[in-house]
Protein backbone atom coordinates (compact mmCIF):
# COMPACT_ATOMS: atom_id res chain seq x y z
CA UNK A 1 0.00 0.00 0.00
CA UNK A 2 1.23 3.50 -0.74
CA UNK A 3 1.36 6.73 1.21
CA UNK A 4 -0.20 9.70 -0.55
CA UNK A 5 0.90 12.22 2.08
CA UNK A 6 2.15 12.56 5.63
CA UNK A 7 0.32 14.83 8.05
CA UNK A 8 1.72 16.30 11.23
CA UNK A 9 -0.94 17.44 13.67
CA UNK A 10 -0.04 20.10 16.21
CA UNK A 11 -1.56 20.05 19.69
CA UNK A 12 -2.76 23.62 19.19
CA UNK A 13 -5.21 25.66 17.16
CA UNK A 14 -4.00 27.78 14.28
CA UNK A 15 -4.71 31.40 13.51
CA UNK A 16 -3.91 34.46 15.57
CA UNK A 17 -6.13 33.47 18.48
CA UNK A 18 -4.77 29.90 18.55
CA UNK A 19 -1.19 31.13 18.41
CA UNK A 20 -1.77 33.57 21.26
CA UNK A 21 -3.44 30.85 23.36
CA UNK A 22 -0.54 28.51 22.67
CA UNK A 23 2.06 31.13 23.61
CA UNK A 24 0.24 31.99 26.84
CA UNK A 25 -0.09 28.32 27.74
CA UNK A 26 3.53 27.64 26.84
CA UNK A 27 5.12 30.52 28.70
CA UNK A 28 2.76 30.89 31.66
CA UNK A 29 1.41 27.38 32.25
CA UNK A 30 4.23 25.18 30.97
CA UNK A 31 2.10 23.61 28.22
CA UNK A 32 3.79 22.63 25.01
CA UNK A 33 3.30 20.87 21.71
CA UNK A 34 5.96 18.26 20.98
CA UNK A 35 5.59 18.75 17.22
CA UNK A 36 5.88 22.55 17.55
CA UNK A 37 9.17 22.04 19.39
CA UNK A 38 10.49 20.05 16.41
CA UNK A 39 9.25 22.27 13.58
CA UNK A 40 9.66 25.75 15.05
CA UNK A 41 12.20 27.92 16.79
CA UNK A 42 10.78 30.62 19.07
CA UNK A 43 10.12 32.96 16.14
CA UNK A 44 9.70 30.90 12.97
CA UNK A 45 9.80 27.49 11.36
CA UNK A 46 13.25 25.90 11.44
CA UNK A 47 15.23 26.01 8.20
CA UNK A 48 16.44 22.45 8.89
CA UNK A 49 12.80 21.33 8.97
CA UNK A 50 12.00 22.92 5.60
CA UNK A 51 15.12 21.40 4.01
CA UNK A 52 14.37 17.91 5.34
CA UNK A 53 10.74 18.04 4.18
CA UNK A 54 11.90 19.15 0.71
CA UNK A 55 14.20 16.10 0.54
CA UNK A 56 11.58 13.64 1.83
CA UNK A 57 9.90 12.92 -1.49
CA UNK A 58 6.45 12.55 0.08
CA UNK A 59 4.05 15.47 0.51
CA UNK A 60 4.10 16.53 4.18
CA UNK A 61 1.46 18.86 5.60
CA UNK A 62 1.34 20.40 9.06
CA UNK A 63 -2.12 21.06 10.47
CA UNK A 64 -3.50 22.61 13.64
CA UNK A 65 -6.43 21.05 15.49
CA UNK A 66 -8.90 23.59 14.10
CA UNK A 67 -7.74 22.85 10.54
CA UNK A 68 -8.57 19.12 10.57
CA UNK A 69 -11.34 17.67 8.46
CA UNK A 70 -14.03 15.91 10.52
CA UNK A 71 -12.69 12.52 9.36
CA UNK A 72 -9.13 13.39 10.34
CA UNK A 73 -10.27 14.88 13.67
CA UNK A 74 -12.09 11.61 14.43
CA UNK A 75 -8.97 9.60 13.62
CA UNK A 76 -6.64 11.79 15.70
CA UNK A 77 -9.04 12.14 18.64
CA UNK A 78 -7.04 13.16 21.71
CA UNK A 79 -3.74 11.80 20.32
CA UNK A 80 -2.27 15.11 19.09
CA UNK A 81 0.51 15.96 18.64
CA UNK A 82 1.10 13.18 16.16
CA UNK A 83 2.25 12.28 12.67
CA UNK A 84 0.22 10.05 10.42
CA UNK A 85 0.24 8.68 6.91
CA UNK A 86 -2.62 9.03 4.49
CA UNK A 87 -3.07 5.93 2.35
CA UNK A 88 -5.75 4.84 -0.11
CA UNK A 89 -7.05 2.59 2.69
CA UNK A 90 -7.23 5.31 5.33
CA UNK A 91 -4.97 6.86 7.94
CA UNK A 92 -2.11 5.14 9.74
CA UNK A 93 -0.49 6.52 12.91
CA UNK A 94 3.28 6.78 12.45
CA UNK A 95 4.47 8.75 15.49
CA UNK A 96 2.48 9.58 18.59
CA UNK A 97 2.93 12.35 21.11
CA UNK A 98 5.23 10.24 23.31
CA UNK A 99 7.46 9.52 20.29
CA UNK A 100 7.59 13.22 19.42
CA UNK A 101 8.29 14.25 23.01
CA UNK A 102 11.25 11.84 23.16
CA UNK A 103 12.76 13.56 20.09
CA UNK A 104 13.13 16.72 22.20
CA UNK A 105 12.87 19.24 19.38
CA UNK A 106 15.64 17.78 17.20
CA UNK A 107 14.83 17.86 13.47
CA UNK A 108 17.39 15.20 12.45
CA UNK A 109 16.13 12.84 15.15
CA UNK A 110 12.57 13.38 13.96
CA UNK A 111 13.39 12.34 10.40
CA UNK A 112 15.31 9.31 11.66
CA UNK A 113 12.28 8.26 13.71
CA UNK A 114 9.98 8.92 10.75
CA UNK A 115 12.14 6.79 8.44
CA UNK A 116 12.02 3.92 10.95
CA UNK A 117 8.25 4.27 11.32
CA UNK A 118 7.77 4.26 7.56
CA UNK A 119 10.01 1.23 7.18
CA UNK A 120 8.25 -0.61 10.00
CA UNK A 121 4.84 0.16 8.51
CA UNK A 122 5.89 -1.33 5.16
CA UNK A 123 4.25 1.54 3.33
CA UNK A 124 5.87 3.22 0.37
CA UNK A 125 5.40 6.53 -1.30
CA UNK A 126 2.81 6.66 -4.01
CA UNK A 127 4.22 5.37 -7.26
CA UNK A 128 7.04 3.40 -5.62
C-alpha atoms as a PDB file:
ATOM      1  CA  UNK A   1       0.000   0.000   0.000  1.00  0.00           C
ATOM      2  CA  UNK A   2       1.226   3.501  -0.736  1.00  0.00           C
ATOM      3  CA  UNK A   3       1.359   6.726   1.205  1.00  0.00           C
ATOM      4  CA  UNK A   4      -0.202   9.699  -0.546  1.00  0.00           C
ATOM      5  CA  UNK A   5       0.896  12.221   2.080  1.00  0.00           C
ATOM      6  CA  UNK A   6       2.154  12.563   5.631  1.00  0.00           C
ATOM      7  CA  UNK A   7       0.322  14.829   8.050  1.00  0.00           C
ATOM      8  CA  UNK A   8       1.725  16.304  11.229  1.00  0.00           C
ATOM      9  CA  UNK A   9      -0.942  17.444  13.673  1.00  0.00           C
ATOM     10  CA  UNK A  10      -0.042  20.101  16.210  1.00  0.00           C
ATOM     11  CA  UNK A  11      -1.557  20.049  19.689  1.00  0.00           C
ATOM     12  CA  UNK A  12      -2.757  23.617  19.191  1.00  0.00           C
ATOM     13  CA  UNK A  13      -5.209  25.657  17.161  1.00  0.00           C
ATOM     14  CA  UNK A  14      -3.995  27.777  14.275  1.00  0.00           C
ATOM     15  CA  UNK A  15      -4.713  31.398  13.507  1.00  0.00           C
ATOM     16  CA  UNK A  16      -3.907  34.456  15.570  1.00  0.00           C
ATOM     17  CA  UNK A  17      -6.133  33.471  18.485  1.00  0.00           C
ATOM     18  CA  UNK A  18      -4.770  29.904  18.548  1.00  0.00           C
ATOM     19  CA  UNK A  19      -1.188  31.129  18.407  1.00  0.00           C
ATOM     20  CA  UNK A  20      -1.772  33.574  21.263  1.00  0.00           C
ATOM     21  CA  UNK A  21      -3.441  30.855  23.358  1.00  0.00           C
ATOM     22  CA  UNK A  22      -0.538  28.513  22.675  1.00  0.00           C
ATOM     23  CA  UNK A  23       2.063  31.131  23.609  1.00  0.00           C
ATOM     24  CA  UNK A  24       0.244  31.991  26.837  1.00  0.00           C
ATOM     25  CA  UNK A  25      -0.092  28.318  27.740  1.00  0.00           C
ATOM     26  CA  UNK A  26       3.527  27.637  26.844  1.00  0.00           C
ATOM     27  CA  UNK A  27       5.123  30.517  28.705  1.00  0.00           C
ATOM     28  CA  UNK A  28       2.759  30.887  31.662  1.00  0.00           C
ATOM     29  CA  UNK A  29       1.407  27.382  32.249  1.00  0.00           C
ATOM     30  CA  UNK A  30       4.228  25.179  30.968  1.00  0.00           C
ATOM     31  CA  UNK A  31       2.101  23.615  28.217  1.00  0.00           C
ATOM     32  CA  UNK A  32       3.790  22.630  25.009  1.00  0.00           C
ATOM     33  CA  UNK A  33       3.297  20.868  21.710  1.00  0.00           C
ATOM     34  CA  UNK A  34       5.964  18.262  20.978  1.00  0.00           C
ATOM     35  CA  UNK A  35       5.595  18.745  17.225  1.00  0.00           C
ATOM     36  CA  UNK A  36       5.879  22.550  17.553  1.00  0.00           C
ATOM     37  CA  UNK A  37       9.167  22.041  19.390  1.00  0.00           C
ATOM     38  CA  UNK A  38      10.488  20.054  16.412  1.00  0.00           C
ATOM     39  CA  UNK A  39       9.251  22.269  13.583  1.00  0.00           C
ATOM     40  CA  UNK A  40       9.659  25.754  15.051  1.00  0.00           C
ATOM     41  CA  UNK A  41      12.201  27.921  16.794  1.00  0.00           C
ATOM     42  CA  UNK A  42      10.778  30.620  19.071  1.00  0.00           C
ATOM     43  CA  UNK A  43      10.117  32.961  16.143  1.00  0.00           C
ATOM     44  CA  UNK A  44       9.703  30.900  12.966  1.00  0.00           C
ATOM     45  CA  UNK A  45       9.798  27.488  11.358  1.00  0.00           C
ATOM     46  CA  UNK A  46      13.245  25.898  11.444  1.00  0.00           C
ATOM     47  CA  UNK A  47      15.230  26.006   8.198  1.00  0.00           C
ATOM     48  CA  UNK A  48      16.440  22.454   8.887  1.00  0.00           C
ATOM     49  CA  UNK A  49      12.798  21.331   8.972  1.00  0.00           C
ATOM     50  CA  UNK A  50      12.000  22.919   5.604  1.00  0.00           C
ATOM     51  CA  UNK A  51      15.122  21.397   4.014  1.00  0.00           C
ATOM     52  CA  UNK A  52      14.374  17.912   5.340  1.00  0.00           C
ATOM     53  CA  UNK A  53      10.740  18.044   4.178  1.00  0.00           C
ATOM     54  CA  UNK A  54      11.898  19.146   0.708  1.00  0.00           C
ATOM     55  CA  UNK A  55      14.196  16.100   0.544  1.00  0.00           C
ATOM     56  CA  UNK A  56      11.580  13.644   1.834  1.00  0.00           C
ATOM     57  CA  UNK A  57       9.902  12.917  -1.491  1.00  0.00           C
ATOM     58  CA  UNK A  58       6.451  12.554   0.079  1.00  0.00           C
ATOM     59  CA  UNK A  59       4.046  15.470   0.509  1.00  0.00           C
ATOM     60  CA  UNK A  60       4.099  16.534   4.177  1.00  0.00           C
ATOM     61  CA  UNK A  61       1.457  18.862   5.597  1.00  0.00           C
ATOM     62  CA  UNK A  62       1.344  20.404   9.056  1.00  0.00           C
ATOM     63  CA  UNK A  63      -2.119  21.058  10.471  1.00  0.00           C
ATOM     64  CA  UNK A  64      -3.502  22.606  13.639  1.00  0.00           C
ATOM     65  CA  UNK A  65      -6.427  21.052  15.486  1.00  0.00           C
ATOM     66  CA  UNK A  66      -8.902  23.588  14.099  1.00  0.00           C
ATOM     67  CA  UNK A  67      -7.744  22.849  10.536  1.00  0.00           C
ATOM     68  CA  UNK A  68      -8.566  19.122  10.568  1.00  0.00           C
ATOM     69  CA  UNK A  69     -11.338  17.671   8.459  1.00  0.00           C
ATOM     70  CA  UNK A  70     -14.034  15.910  10.519  1.00  0.00           C
ATOM     71  CA  UNK A  71     -12.691  12.520   9.363  1.00  0.00           C
ATOM     72  CA  UNK A  72      -9.132  13.394  10.338  1.00  0.00           C
ATOM     73  CA  UNK A  73     -10.271  14.876  13.671  1.00  0.00           C
ATOM     74  CA  UNK A  74     -12.094  11.611  14.434  1.00  0.00           C
ATOM     75  CA  UNK A  75      -8.970   9.601  13.616  1.00  0.00           C
ATOM     76  CA  UNK A  76      -6.641  11.794  15.697  1.00  0.00           C
ATOM     77  CA  UNK A  77      -9.039  12.138  18.635  1.00  0.00           C
ATOM     78  CA  UNK A  78      -7.039  13.159  21.713  1.00  0.00           C
ATOM     79  CA  UNK A  79      -3.736  11.797  20.322  1.00  0.00           C
ATOM     80  CA  UNK A  80      -2.275  15.108  19.091  1.00  0.00           C
ATOM     81  CA  UNK A  81       0.507  15.961  18.640  1.00  0.00           C
ATOM     82  CA  UNK A  82       1.105  13.180  16.161  1.00  0.00           C
ATOM     83  CA  UNK A  83       2.254  12.282  12.666  1.00  0.00           C
ATOM     84  CA  UNK A  84       0.216  10.045  10.420  1.00  0.00           C
ATOM     85  CA  UNK A  85       0.245   8.678   6.915  1.00  0.00           C
ATOM     86  CA  UNK A  86      -2.615   9.032   4.494  1.00  0.00           C
ATOM     87  CA  UNK A  87      -3.066   5.932   2.354  1.00  0.00           C
ATOM     88  CA  UNK A  88      -5.748   4.844  -0.105  1.00  0.00           C
ATOM     89  CA  UNK A  89      -7.051   2.589   2.687  1.00  0.00           C
ATOM     90  CA  UNK A  90      -7.229   5.310   5.328  1.00  0.00           C
ATOM     91  CA  UNK A  91      -4.973   6.864   7.944  1.00  0.00           C
ATOM     92  CA  UNK A  92      -2.106   5.138   9.737  1.00  0.00           C
ATOM     93  CA  UNK A  93      -0.489   6.522  12.909  1.00  0.00           C
ATOM     94  CA  UNK A  94       3.280   6.778  12.453  1.00  0.00           C
ATOM     95  CA  UNK A  95       4.470   8.754  15.489  1.00  0.00           C
ATOM     96  CA  UNK A  96       2.481   9.577  18.588  1.00  0.00           C
ATOM     97  CA  UNK A  97       2.929  12.354  21.113  1.00  0.00           C
ATOM     98  CA  UNK A  98       5.233  10.240  23.307  1.00  0.00           C
ATOM     99  CA  UNK A  99       7.458   9.524  20.293  1.00  0.00           C
ATOM    100  CA  UNK A 100       7.586  13.217  19.415  1.00  0.00           C
ATOM    101  CA  UNK A 101       8.289  14.249  23.012  1.00  0.00           C
ATOM    102  CA  UNK A 102      11.248  11.841  23.156  1.00  0.00           C
ATOM    103  CA  UNK A 103      12.756  13.556  20.088  1.00  0.00           C
ATOM    104  CA  UNK A 104      13.126  16.717  22.202  1.00  0.00           C
ATOM    105  CA  UNK A 105      12.869  19.237  19.382  1.00  0.00           C
ATOM    106  CA  UNK A 106      15.643  17.779  17.195  1.00  0.00           C
ATOM    107  CA  UNK A 107      14.833  17.863  13.468  1.00  0.00           C
ATOM    108  CA  UNK A 108      17.389  15.200  12.453  1.00  0.00           C
ATOM    109  CA  UNK A 109      16.132  12.837  15.155  1.00  0.00           C
ATOM    110  CA  UNK A 110      12.572  13.378  13.960  1.00  0.00           C
ATOM    111  CA  UNK A 111      13.387  12.340  10.403  1.00  0.00           C
ATOM    112  CA  UNK A 112      15.313   9.309  11.656  1.00  0.00           C
ATOM    113  CA  UNK A 113      12.276   8.262  13.707  1.00  0.00           C
ATOM    114  CA  UNK A 114       9.979   8.919  10.751  1.00  0.00           C
ATOM    115  CA  UNK A 115      12.136   6.785   8.444  1.00  0.00           C
ATOM    116  CA  UNK A 116      12.019   3.922  10.953  1.00  0.00           C
ATOM    117  CA  UNK A 117       8.250   4.274  11.318  1.00  0.00           C
ATOM    118  CA  UNK A 118       7.775   4.261   7.562  1.00  0.00           C
ATOM    119  CA  UNK A 119      10.007   1.227   7.181  1.00  0.00           C
ATOM    120  CA  UNK A 120       8.250  -0.614  10.001  1.00  0.00           C
ATOM    121  CA  UNK A 121       4.844   0.163   8.509  1.00  0.00           C
ATOM    122  CA  UNK A 122       5.893  -1.331   5.158  1.00  0.00           C
ATOM    123  CA  UNK A 123       4.246   1.540   3.329  1.00  0.00           C
ATOM    124  CA  UNK A 124       5.874   3.218   0.367  1.00  0.00           C
ATOM    125  CA  UNK A 125       5.399   6.533  -1.298  1.00  0.00           C
ATOM    126  CA  UNK A 126       2.810   6.657  -4.013  1.00  0.00           C
ATOM    127  CA  UNK A 127       4.218   5.375  -7.255  1.00  0.00           C
ATOM    128  CA  UNK A 128       7.042   3.397  -5.618  1.00  0.00           C
END
